[in-house]
Amino acid sequence: MNSRLLASVGALLCVASFSAAADTLLVDRVKAERSMSAPRRGMTMSQVEHQYGTPSEKLSPAGGDAPLHPTINRWVYPSYIVYFEREHVINSVAQRATPNEIGPKGAVQQR
């Protein structure tokens, strides 16, 4: 009975320490994204290109088929993607995907 109790306590401590490490990683990512030097909301395309240089890729525009669906452009830089509504930045998002990660970067589902 005593060994089962010790094993249970050990397992709980293991899970608690793993959870704390994951929380720390998330906090570190959020801090890094907040301090990231990236285009800010409201900047124009020409301001972004002048200040941050030419993007490595300009993805095909999406939307624009109706007044309620404005054209959304995406420019890819090495560490972030900039989203534009028409000509103005609406958001800059840090790229987090790595080649081993299944996520937003063209993920292929494994079977």
N, C-alpha and C. Protein backbone atom coordinates (compact mmCIF):
# COMPACT_ATOMS: atom_id res chain seq x y z
N MET A 1 0.83 -1.19 0.00
CA MET A 1 0.00 0.00 0.00
C MET A 1 0.87 1.25 0.00
N ASN A 2 1.91 1.25 0.82
CA ASN A 2 2.79 2.41 0.92
C ASN A 2 3.51 2.68 -0.39
N SER A 3 3.93 1.63 -1.08
CA SER A 3 4.63 1.82 -2.36
C SER A 3 3.68 2.36 -3.42
N ARG A 4 2.41 1.96 -3.37
CA ARG A 4 1.42 2.50 -4.33
C ARG A 4 1.19 3.98 -4.10
N LEU A 5 1.18 4.39 -2.83
CA LEU A 5 1.01 5.79 -2.49
C LEU A 5 2.20 6.60 -2.98
N LEU A 6 3.40 6.09 -2.76
CA LEU A 6 4.60 6.78 -3.22
C LEU A 6 4.62 6.89 -4.74
N ALA A 7 4.20 5.84 -5.43
CA ALA A 7 4.17 5.85 -6.89
C ALA A 7 3.16 6.89 -7.39
N SER A 8 2.02 6.97 -6.73
CA SER A 8 1.00 7.95 -7.13
C SER A 8 1.49 9.38 -6.91
N VAL A 9 2.12 9.62 -5.77
CA VAL A 9 2.65 10.95 -5.48
C VAL A 9 3.74 11.30 -6.49
N GLY A 10 4.59 10.36 -6.81
CA GLY A 10 5.65 10.59 -7.79
C GLY A 10 5.08 10.93 -9.16
N ALA A 11 4.05 10.22 -9.56
CA ALA A 11 3.42 10.48 -10.86
C ALA A 11 2.78 11.87 -10.88
N LEU A 12 2.14 12.25 -9.80
CA LEU A 12 1.53 13.58 -9.73
C LEU A 12 2.59 14.68 -9.80
N LEU A 13 3.70 14.49 -9.12
CA LEU A 13 4.78 15.47 -9.16
C LEU A 13 5.35 15.59 -10.57
N CYS A 14 5.46 14.47 -11.24
CA CYS A 14 5.96 14.45 -12.61
C CYS A 14 5.03 15.25 -13.53
N VAL A 15 3.74 15.02 -13.43
CA VAL A 15 2.76 15.71 -14.25
C VAL A 15 2.76 17.20 -13.92
N ALA A 16 2.84 17.54 -12.65
CA ALA A 16 2.84 18.95 -12.23
C ALA A 16 4.06 19.67 -12.77
N SER A 17 5.21 19.04 -12.73
CA SER A 17 6.42 19.70 -13.22
C SER A 17 6.35 19.87 -14.74
N PHE A 18 5.80 18.87 -15.48
CA PHE A 18 5.65 18.99 -16.92
C PHE A 18 4.70 20.12 -17.27
N SER A 19 3.60 20.23 -16.55
CA SER A 19 2.62 21.28 -16.78
C SER A 19 3.24 22.65 -16.55
N ALA A 20 4.03 22.80 -15.50
CA ALA A 20 4.67 24.08 -15.21
C ALA A 20 5.65 24.44 -16.32
N ALA A 21 6.38 23.48 -16.84
CA ALA A 21 7.32 23.74 -17.93
C ALA A 21 6.57 24.19 -19.19
N ALA A 22 5.44 23.58 -19.49
CA ALA A 22 4.66 23.96 -20.66
C ALA A 22 4.12 25.38 -20.50
N ASP A 23 3.64 25.72 -19.31
CA ASP A 23 3.15 27.07 -19.05
C ASP A 23 4.26 28.09 -19.23
N THR A 24 5.44 27.79 -18.77
CA THR A 24 6.57 28.70 -18.91
C THR A 24 6.89 28.92 -20.38
N LEU A 25 6.86 27.87 -21.17
CA LEU A 25 7.13 27.97 -22.59
C LEU A 25 6.12 28.88 -23.27
N LEU A 26 4.85 28.75 -22.95
CA LEU A 26 3.82 29.59 -23.52
C LEU A 26 4.05 31.05 -23.13
N VAL A 27 4.38 31.30 -21.89
CA VAL A 27 4.64 32.66 -21.44
C VAL A 27 5.83 33.25 -22.19
N ASP A 28 6.89 32.44 -22.38
CA ASP A 28 8.06 32.92 -23.11
C ASP A 28 7.72 33.26 -24.55
N ARG A 29 6.88 32.43 -25.19
CA ARG A 29 6.47 32.71 -26.57
C ARG A 29 5.68 34.01 -26.66
N VAL A 30 4.78 34.22 -25.72
CA VAL A 30 3.96 35.44 -25.74
C VAL A 30 4.85 36.67 -25.54
N LYS A 31 5.80 36.59 -24.61
CA LYS A 31 6.72 37.71 -24.39
C LYS A 31 7.54 37.99 -25.64
N ALA A 32 8.02 36.94 -26.29
CA ALA A 32 8.83 37.11 -27.49
C ALA A 32 8.01 37.75 -28.61
N GLU A 33 6.75 37.34 -28.75
CA GLU A 33 5.90 37.90 -29.80
C GLU A 33 5.60 39.37 -29.53
N ARG A 34 5.39 39.71 -28.27
CA ARG A 34 5.09 41.11 -27.93
C ARG A 34 6.28 42.02 -28.19
N SER A 35 7.49 41.52 -28.00
CA SER A 35 8.67 42.34 -28.19
C SER A 35 9.20 42.27 -29.62
N MET A 36 8.54 41.49 -30.47
CA MET A 36 8.96 41.31 -31.85
C MET A 36 8.85 42.63 -32.62
N SER A 37 9.87 42.91 -33.40
CA SER A 37 9.84 44.10 -34.26
C SER A 37 9.15 43.72 -35.55
N ALA A 38 7.89 44.05 -35.66
CA ALA A 38 7.09 43.71 -36.83
C ALA A 38 6.18 44.88 -37.16
N PRO A 39 5.66 44.92 -38.38
CA PRO A 39 4.75 46.00 -38.76
C PRO A 39 3.56 46.10 -37.80
N ARG A 40 3.16 47.31 -37.53
CA ARG A 40 2.05 47.56 -36.60
C ARG A 40 0.78 47.88 -37.37
N ARG A 41 -0.34 47.65 -36.71
CA ARG A 41 -1.67 47.90 -37.29
C ARG A 41 -1.76 49.34 -37.80
N GLY A 42 -2.31 49.47 -39.01
CA GLY A 42 -2.53 50.79 -39.59
C GLY A 42 -1.48 51.22 -40.59
N MET A 43 -0.30 50.58 -40.58
CA MET A 43 0.74 50.94 -41.54
C MET A 43 0.27 50.57 -42.94
N THR A 44 0.71 51.34 -43.94
CA THR A 44 0.37 51.03 -45.32
C THR A 44 1.38 50.03 -45.89
N MET A 45 1.02 49.42 -47.02
CA MET A 45 1.93 48.47 -47.68
C MET A 45 3.27 49.13 -48.02
N SER A 46 3.21 50.35 -48.52
CA SER A 46 4.46 51.02 -48.90
C SER A 46 5.31 51.34 -47.67
N GLN A 47 4.69 51.70 -46.55
CA GLN A 47 5.44 51.95 -45.31
C GLN A 47 6.11 50.66 -44.82
N VAL A 48 5.38 49.55 -44.90
CA VAL A 48 5.93 48.27 -44.45
C VAL A 48 7.12 47.89 -45.32
N GLU A 49 6.95 47.99 -46.63
CA GLU A 49 8.04 47.61 -47.53
C GLU A 49 9.24 48.53 -47.37
N HIS A 50 9.01 49.80 -47.13
CA HIS A 50 10.11 50.75 -46.93
C HIS A 50 10.85 50.46 -45.62
N GLN A 51 10.12 50.20 -44.56
CA GLN A 51 10.73 50.01 -43.24
C GLN A 51 11.28 48.60 -43.02
N TYR A 52 10.60 47.57 -43.54
CA TYR A 52 10.98 46.18 -43.26
C TYR A 52 11.57 45.45 -44.47
N GLY A 53 11.59 46.10 -45.61
CA GLY A 53 12.15 45.48 -46.80
C GLY A 53 11.13 44.67 -47.57
N THR A 54 11.60 44.12 -48.68
CA THR A 54 10.73 43.30 -49.51
C THR A 54 10.47 41.97 -48.83
N PRO A 55 9.22 41.52 -48.78
CA PRO A 55 8.93 40.23 -48.15
C PRO A 55 9.52 39.09 -48.96
N SER A 56 9.75 37.96 -48.30
CA SER A 56 10.27 36.80 -49.02
C SER A 56 9.21 36.21 -49.94
N GLU A 57 7.94 36.46 -49.63
CA GLU A 57 6.85 35.97 -50.48
C GLU A 57 5.61 36.84 -50.27
N LYS A 58 4.92 37.11 -51.37
CA LYS A 58 3.63 37.79 -51.31
C LYS A 58 2.60 36.76 -51.77
N LEU A 59 1.78 36.32 -50.83
CA LEU A 59 0.79 35.29 -51.14
C LEU A 59 -0.38 35.88 -51.92
N SER A 60 -1.11 35.03 -52.62
CA SER A 60 -2.25 35.46 -53.42
C SER A 60 -3.30 36.13 -52.54
N PRO A 61 -3.88 37.24 -53.02
CA PRO A 61 -4.94 37.90 -52.25
C PRO A 61 -6.16 36.99 -52.08
N ALA A 62 -6.86 37.20 -50.99
CA ALA A 62 -8.09 36.45 -50.73
C ALA A 62 -9.22 37.44 -50.51
N GLY A 63 -10.43 37.02 -50.77
CA GLY A 63 -11.60 37.88 -50.57
C GLY A 63 -11.75 38.88 -51.70
N GLY A 64 -12.36 40.02 -51.37
CA GLY A 64 -12.57 41.07 -52.35
C GLY A 64 -13.72 40.82 -53.30
N ASP A 65 -14.50 39.77 -53.04
CA ASP A 65 -15.60 39.43 -53.93
C ASP A 65 -16.89 40.17 -53.59
N ALA A 66 -16.91 40.89 -52.47
CA ALA A 66 -18.09 41.65 -52.06
C ALA A 66 -17.65 42.77 -51.13
N PRO A 67 -18.47 43.82 -51.01
CA PRO A 67 -18.09 44.92 -50.12
C PRO A 67 -17.84 44.48 -48.67
N LEU A 68 -18.56 43.44 -48.23
CA LEU A 68 -18.35 42.97 -46.87
C LEU A 68 -17.17 42.01 -46.74
N HIS A 69 -16.54 41.67 -47.88
CA HIS A 69 -15.38 40.79 -47.89
C HIS A 69 -14.21 41.52 -48.55
N PRO A 70 -13.53 42.41 -47.83
CA PRO A 70 -12.45 43.17 -48.44
C PRO A 70 -11.27 42.25 -48.81
N THR A 71 -10.45 42.73 -49.70
CA THR A 71 -9.27 41.97 -50.12
C THR A 71 -8.29 41.88 -48.96
N ILE A 72 -7.83 40.66 -48.69
CA ILE A 72 -6.83 40.41 -47.64
C ILE A 72 -5.56 39.94 -48.33
N ASN A 73 -4.46 40.65 -48.09
CA ASN A 73 -3.16 40.28 -48.62
C ASN A 73 -2.29 39.78 -47.48
N ARG A 74 -1.40 38.82 -47.79
CA ARG A 74 -0.48 38.28 -46.79
C ARG A 74 0.94 38.35 -47.35
N TRP A 75 1.82 38.96 -46.56
CA TRP A 75 3.22 39.03 -46.92
C TRP A 75 4.00 38.21 -45.91
N VAL A 76 4.88 37.36 -46.41
CA VAL A 76 5.65 36.47 -45.55
C VAL A 76 7.07 37.03 -45.38
N TYR A 77 7.46 37.22 -44.13
CA TYR A 77 8.83 37.59 -43.76
C TYR A 77 9.41 36.40 -42.99
N PRO A 78 10.72 36.35 -42.79
CA PRO A 78 11.33 35.18 -42.13
C PRO A 78 10.74 34.81 -40.77
N SER A 79 10.36 35.79 -39.95
CA SER A 79 9.89 35.44 -38.61
C SER A 79 8.42 35.79 -38.35
N TYR A 80 7.73 36.36 -39.34
CA TYR A 80 6.32 36.70 -39.14
C TYR A 80 5.61 36.82 -40.47
N ILE A 81 4.29 36.84 -40.41
CA ILE A 81 3.44 37.07 -41.58
C ILE A 81 2.62 38.33 -41.31
N VAL A 82 2.55 39.21 -42.29
CA VAL A 82 1.80 40.45 -42.16
C VAL A 82 0.50 40.32 -42.95
N TYR A 83 -0.62 40.63 -42.30
CA TYR A 83 -1.94 40.58 -42.93
C TYR A 83 -2.42 42.01 -43.20
N PHE A 84 -2.84 42.25 -44.43
CA PHE A 84 -3.34 43.56 -44.84
C PHE A 84 -4.81 43.44 -45.22
N GLU A 85 -5.60 44.43 -44.82
CA GLU A 85 -6.95 44.59 -45.35
C GLU A 85 -6.86 45.75 -46.32
N ARG A 86 -7.06 45.44 -47.57
CA ARG A 86 -6.82 46.39 -48.66
C ARG A 86 -5.35 46.83 -48.60
N GLU A 87 -5.05 48.04 -48.19
CA GLU A 87 -3.67 48.55 -48.18
C GLU A 87 -3.08 48.70 -46.78
N HIS A 88 -3.84 48.37 -45.73
CA HIS A 88 -3.38 48.65 -44.37
C HIS A 88 -3.19 47.38 -43.55
N VAL A 89 -2.17 47.39 -42.70
CA VAL A 89 -1.88 46.26 -41.82
C VAL A 89 -3.02 46.09 -40.83
N ILE A 90 -3.50 44.86 -40.70
CA ILE A 90 -4.47 44.56 -39.66
C ILE A 90 -3.85 43.69 -38.56
N ASN A 91 -2.75 42.96 -38.91
CA ASN A 91 -2.10 42.14 -37.89
C ASN A 91 -0.77 41.62 -38.42
N SER A 92 0.17 41.39 -37.51
CA SER A 92 1.43 40.71 -37.80
C SER A 92 1.51 39.54 -36.83
N VAL A 93 1.76 38.35 -37.36
CA VAL A 93 1.73 37.14 -36.55
C VAL A 93 3.07 36.43 -36.65
N ALA A 94 3.65 36.09 -35.49
CA ALA A 94 4.91 35.36 -35.47
C ALA A 94 4.73 33.98 -36.06
N GLN A 95 5.71 33.54 -36.85
CA GLN A 95 5.69 32.18 -37.39
C GLN A 95 6.27 31.26 -36.34
N ARG A 96 5.50 30.26 -35.92
CA ARG A 96 5.94 29.35 -34.87
C ARG A 96 6.21 27.95 -35.38
N ALA A 97 5.72 27.66 -36.58
CA ALA A 97 5.82 26.29 -37.07
C ALA A 97 7.27 25.93 -37.42
N THR A 98 7.63 24.72 -37.09
CA THR A 98 8.93 24.16 -37.46
C THR A 98 8.66 23.01 -38.42
N PRO A 99 9.69 22.51 -39.10
CA PRO A 99 9.45 21.41 -40.03
C PRO A 99 8.83 20.17 -39.38
N ASN A 100 9.05 19.95 -38.09
CA ASN A 100 8.52 18.77 -37.40
C ASN A 100 7.15 18.99 -36.78
N GLU A 101 6.66 20.21 -36.83
CA GLU A 101 5.42 20.54 -36.15
C GLU A 101 4.24 20.42 -37.11
N ILE A 102 3.16 19.81 -36.65
CA ILE A 102 1.93 19.76 -37.44
C ILE A 102 1.13 20.99 -37.04
N GLY A 103 0.93 21.89 -37.97
CA GLY A 103 0.27 23.13 -37.60
C GLY A 103 -0.12 23.93 -38.83
N PRO A 104 -0.14 25.25 -38.70
CA PRO A 104 -0.70 26.09 -39.73
C PRO A 104 0.12 26.18 -41.02
N LYS A 105 1.36 25.73 -41.04
CA LYS A 105 2.21 25.87 -42.23
C LYS A 105 2.05 24.66 -43.15
N GLY A 106 1.00 24.59 -43.91
CA GLY A 106 0.82 23.52 -44.87
C GLY A 106 0.90 22.13 -44.26
N ALA A 107 0.21 21.95 -43.17
CA ALA A 107 0.28 20.67 -42.44
C ALA A 107 -0.23 19.53 -43.29
N VAL A 108 0.45 18.42 -43.23
CA VAL A 108 0.04 17.20 -43.90
C VAL A 108 -0.43 16.23 -42.82
N GLN A 109 -1.65 15.76 -42.94
CA GLN A 109 -2.17 14.85 -41.93
C GLN A 109 -1.51 13.50 -42.05
N GLN A 110 -1.07 12.98 -40.90
CA GLN A 110 -0.45 11.66 -40.88
C GLN A 110 -1.51 10.60 -40.67
N ARG A 111 -1.34 9.49 -41.32
CA ARG A 111 -2.33 8.40 -41.20
C ARG A 111 -1.76 7.24 -40.48
